[in-house]
Structures are given as structure tokens and as C-alpha cells.
N, C-alpha and C. Protein backbone atom coordinates (compact mmCIF):
# COMPACT_ATOMS: atom_id res chain seq x y z
N MET A 1 138.72 50.27 -93.51
CA MET A 1 138.41 49.31 -92.32
C MET A 1 138.22 50.16 -91.06
N THR A 2 137.45 49.54 -90.30
CA THR A 2 136.82 49.87 -89.09
C THR A 2 137.73 49.98 -87.74
N LEU A 3 137.61 50.80 -87.08
CA LEU A 3 138.30 50.75 -86.02
C LEU A 3 138.67 49.38 -85.16
N GLU A 4 137.36 48.64 -85.12
CA GLU A 4 137.28 47.54 -84.39
C GLU A 4 138.31 46.34 -85.11
N HIS A 5 138.67 46.59 -86.32
CA HIS A 5 139.67 45.88 -86.99
C HIS A 5 140.86 46.07 -87.30
N LYS A 6 141.26 47.20 -86.89
CA LYS A 6 142.48 47.95 -87.16
C LYS A 6 143.53 47.51 -85.88
N THR A 7 144.83 47.15 -86.36
CA THR A 7 145.85 46.49 -85.46
C THR A 7 146.58 48.00 -84.80
N TRP A 8 146.87 48.76 -85.90
CA TRP A 8 147.75 49.99 -85.24
C TRP A 8 146.81 51.26 -85.62
N MET A 9 146.87 52.11 -84.67
CA MET A 9 145.99 53.36 -84.77
C MET A 9 146.91 54.47 -84.40
N ASN A 10 146.66 55.49 -85.17
CA ASN A 10 147.25 56.93 -84.84
C ASN A 10 146.58 57.43 -83.87
N LEU A 11 146.95 58.84 -83.36
CA LEU A 11 146.58 59.52 -82.30
C LEU A 11 144.91 59.87 -82.53
N ASN A 12 144.64 60.06 -83.41
CA ASN A 12 143.27 60.54 -83.51
C ASN A 12 142.31 59.09 -83.27
N GLU A 13 142.92 58.02 -84.05
CA GLU A 13 141.88 56.80 -83.64
C GLU A 13 142.10 56.36 -82.45
N ALA A 14 143.35 56.43 -81.62
CA ALA A 14 143.25 56.12 -80.44
C ALA A 14 142.44 57.02 -79.55
N SER A 15 142.34 58.26 -79.78
CA SER A 15 141.43 59.06 -78.93
C SER A 15 140.16 58.44 -79.13
N ALA A 16 139.71 58.36 -80.17
CA ALA A 16 138.23 57.66 -80.46
C ALA A 16 138.00 56.29 -79.79
N HIS A 17 139.09 55.56 -79.59
CA HIS A 17 139.01 54.01 -79.21
C HIS A 17 138.78 54.24 -77.69
N LEU A 18 139.52 55.27 -77.39
CA LEU A 18 139.71 55.46 -75.64
C LEU A 18 138.56 56.21 -75.00
N SER A 19 137.95 57.09 -75.95
CA SER A 19 136.94 58.09 -75.34
C SER A 19 138.07 59.37 -74.67
N LEU A 20 139.10 59.39 -75.00
CA LEU A 20 140.10 60.49 -74.28
C LEU A 20 140.55 61.40 -75.49
N SER A 21 140.73 62.72 -74.98
CA SER A 21 141.42 63.80 -75.66
C SER A 21 142.77 63.22 -76.13
N GLN A 22 143.12 64.08 -77.39
CA GLN A 22 144.31 63.70 -77.53
C GLN A 22 145.53 64.26 -77.04
N SER A 23 145.08 65.54 -76.23
CA SER A 23 146.09 65.93 -75.28
C SER A 23 146.33 64.94 -74.03
N PHE A 24 145.20 64.34 -73.78
CA PHE A 24 145.43 63.56 -72.41
C PHE A 24 146.30 62.31 -72.92
N ILE A 25 146.06 61.95 -74.12
CA ILE A 25 146.64 60.74 -74.28
C ILE A 25 148.08 60.98 -74.61
N ARG A 26 148.63 62.34 -75.14
CA ARG A 26 149.95 62.68 -75.35
C ARG A 26 150.47 62.80 -73.82
N ARG A 27 149.72 63.25 -72.76
CA ARG A 27 150.08 63.06 -71.43
C ARG A 27 150.33 61.83 -70.92
N LEU A 28 149.62 61.00 -71.00
CA LEU A 28 149.93 59.34 -70.91
C LEU A 28 151.18 58.98 -71.46
N VAL A 29 151.41 59.40 -72.63
CA VAL A 29 152.61 58.98 -73.40
C VAL A 29 153.80 59.42 -72.43
N SER A 30 153.98 60.75 -72.25
CA SER A 30 154.88 61.27 -71.89
C SER A 30 155.27 60.99 -70.26
N GLU A 31 154.30 60.27 -69.81
CA GLU A 31 154.40 59.96 -68.27
C GLU A 31 154.37 58.23 -68.32
N GLY A 32 154.58 57.85 -69.43
CA GLY A 32 154.86 56.35 -69.55
C GLY A 32 153.60 55.50 -69.29
N GLU A 33 152.55 56.02 -69.20
CA GLU A 33 151.25 55.29 -68.99
C GLU A 33 150.88 54.35 -69.78
N ILE A 34 151.10 54.65 -71.18
CA ILE A 34 150.66 53.87 -72.16
C ILE A 34 151.64 53.62 -73.32
N GLU A 35 151.62 52.31 -73.75
CA GLU A 35 152.70 51.93 -74.75
C GLU A 35 152.33 52.58 -76.04
N TYR A 36 153.49 53.05 -76.86
CA TYR A 36 153.19 53.42 -78.10
C TYR A 36 154.64 53.34 -78.85
N THR A 37 154.54 53.76 -80.24
CA THR A 37 155.65 53.69 -80.84
C THR A 37 155.53 55.03 -81.80
N ARG A 38 156.73 55.33 -82.51
CA ARG A 38 156.46 56.39 -83.44
C ARG A 38 156.50 55.79 -84.87
N SER A 39 156.05 56.44 -85.96
CA SER A 39 156.29 56.13 -87.46
C SER A 39 157.72 56.55 -87.82
N SER A 40 157.89 55.91 -88.89
CA SER A 40 159.33 55.91 -89.20
C SER A 40 159.57 57.13 -90.31
N SER A 41 158.20 57.89 -90.58
CA SER A 41 158.34 58.86 -91.36
C SER A 41 158.95 59.99 -90.76
N GLN A 42 159.22 61.27 -91.52
CA GLN A 42 159.68 62.34 -90.95
C GLN A 42 158.92 62.79 -89.92
N SER A 43 157.57 62.90 -89.96
CA SER A 43 156.65 63.52 -88.99
C SER A 43 156.83 62.69 -87.68
N SER A 44 157.21 61.44 -87.79
CA SER A 44 157.43 60.63 -86.32
C SER A 44 156.17 60.63 -85.68
N LYS A 45 155.01 60.28 -86.06
CA LYS A 45 153.75 60.12 -85.50
C LYS A 45 153.52 59.15 -84.55
N LEU A 46 152.65 59.44 -83.62
CA LEU A 46 152.56 58.38 -82.59
C LEU A 46 151.57 57.21 -83.02
N LEU A 47 152.00 56.11 -82.89
CA LEU A 47 151.14 54.97 -83.09
C LEU A 47 151.04 53.83 -82.08
N PHE A 48 149.74 53.30 -81.97
CA PHE A 48 149.44 52.54 -80.90
C PHE A 48 148.89 51.42 -81.48
N LYS A 49 149.29 50.03 -80.83
CA LYS A 49 148.53 48.79 -81.07
C LYS A 49 147.29 48.89 -80.33
N ARG A 50 146.10 48.14 -80.98
CA ARG A 50 144.99 48.11 -80.12
C ARG A 50 145.16 47.30 -78.93
N GLU A 51 145.86 46.21 -78.85
CA GLU A 51 146.23 45.45 -77.79
C GLU A 51 146.94 46.44 -76.46
N TRP A 52 147.65 47.45 -76.87
CA TRP A 52 148.19 48.38 -75.99
C TRP A 52 147.19 49.11 -75.44
N LEU A 53 146.25 49.73 -76.22
CA LEU A 53 145.33 50.67 -75.74
C LEU A 53 144.25 49.78 -74.71
N ASP A 54 143.81 48.61 -75.21
CA ASP A 54 143.35 47.78 -74.47
C ASP A 54 143.93 47.44 -73.01
N ALA A 55 144.91 47.08 -73.04
CA ALA A 55 145.77 46.90 -71.85
C ALA A 55 145.71 48.23 -70.74
N TYR A 56 145.72 49.43 -71.40
CA TYR A 56 145.53 50.51 -70.82
C TYR A 56 144.29 50.66 -69.89
N LEU A 57 143.39 50.17 -70.79
CA LEU A 57 141.93 50.52 -70.47
C LEU A 57 141.83 49.47 -69.08
N GLU A 58 142.17 48.18 -69.51
CA GLU A 58 142.04 47.23 -68.28
C GLU A 58 142.78 47.70 -67.05
N ALA A 59 143.83 48.04 -67.18
CA ALA A 59 144.84 48.46 -66.06
C ALA A 59 143.81 49.66 -65.32
N ARG A 60 143.44 50.65 -66.10
CA ARG A 60 142.74 51.62 -65.37
C ARG A 60 141.19 51.17 -64.67
N MET A 61 140.74 50.12 -65.34
CA MET A 61 139.35 49.74 -64.86
C MET A 61 139.82 49.00 -63.40
N SER A 62 140.87 48.39 -63.46
CA SER A 62 141.41 47.53 -62.31
C SER A 62 141.66 48.52 -61.13
N THR A 63 142.55 49.63 -61.54
CA THR A 63 142.85 50.52 -60.50
C THR A 63 141.53 51.24 -59.79
N LEU A 64 140.58 51.70 -60.56
CA LEU A 64 139.49 52.07 -60.20
C LEU A 64 138.61 51.10 -59.46
N LYS A 65 138.53 49.79 -59.59
CA LYS A 65 137.89 48.97 -58.78
C LYS A 65 138.45 48.94 -57.58
N SER A 66 139.90 48.63 -57.61
CA SER A 66 140.63 48.38 -56.24
C SER A 66 140.47 49.56 -55.30
N THR A 67 140.40 50.75 -55.88
CA THR A 67 140.02 51.74 -55.16
C THR A 67 138.73 52.38 -54.75
N GLY A 68 137.83 51.39 -55.30
CA GLY A 68 136.47 51.70 -54.86
C GLY A 68 135.91 53.00 -55.64
N ARG A 69 136.54 53.42 -56.88
CA ARG A 69 136.24 54.59 -57.52
C ARG A 69 135.57 53.88 -58.98
N ASN A 70 134.46 54.77 -59.19
CA ASN A 70 133.88 54.32 -60.60
C ASN A 70 134.11 55.42 -61.61
N GLY A 71 134.99 56.41 -61.21
CA GLY A 71 135.23 57.55 -62.15
C GLY A 71 134.14 58.77 -62.03
N ALA A 72 133.36 58.53 -61.45
CA ALA A 72 132.34 59.67 -61.07
C ALA A 72 132.61 60.42 -60.04
N SER A 73 132.33 61.89 -60.17
CA SER A 73 132.83 62.74 -59.32
C SER A 73 131.96 62.64 -57.90
N ASN A 74 132.60 62.68 -56.62
CA ASN A 74 131.85 62.46 -55.36
C ASN A 74 131.48 63.94 -55.14
N GLY A 75 131.62 64.96 -55.85
CA GLY A 75 131.32 66.35 -55.73
C GLY A 75 131.11 66.89 -54.55
């Protein structure tokens, strides 16, 4: 199944979907910036719903637009 059709994603898949590093996503999780759950297995892996990831992207884009920033460095 391709990422476009998956409902739940692990950290690696979420990283690919958002084009962000796994460590940055972990930071977003710890800061409460992105919704997640943990698997019920002993490893308790991070799991993300596609809609949660897309909501983060929408909020991020909205913030960038409202501040007049496009994510590019003004160097």
C-alpha cells in the first residue's frame, strides 16, 4: 500500500509524508505541535493518522501566510 492510501503511518512514513526529519517530528510531538498516538506493543512506537499530519501542514502553511513568511531564508 502506498503512503497516499495509508490511514496510519509510523515515524518513518510520517517523516517522508511531511518531508521533515524524524528527530524534528519527535520534537513536534514533545512540544505538542502534532497529534500522535503510540502503538500498543511493547515498543510503543509513535503512530500518526494521515489527517493529523495534514492538519499540521495546513496549520503551518496558515501561520507562514499570516506572518508573511514563505519558509525561505531572508539571509
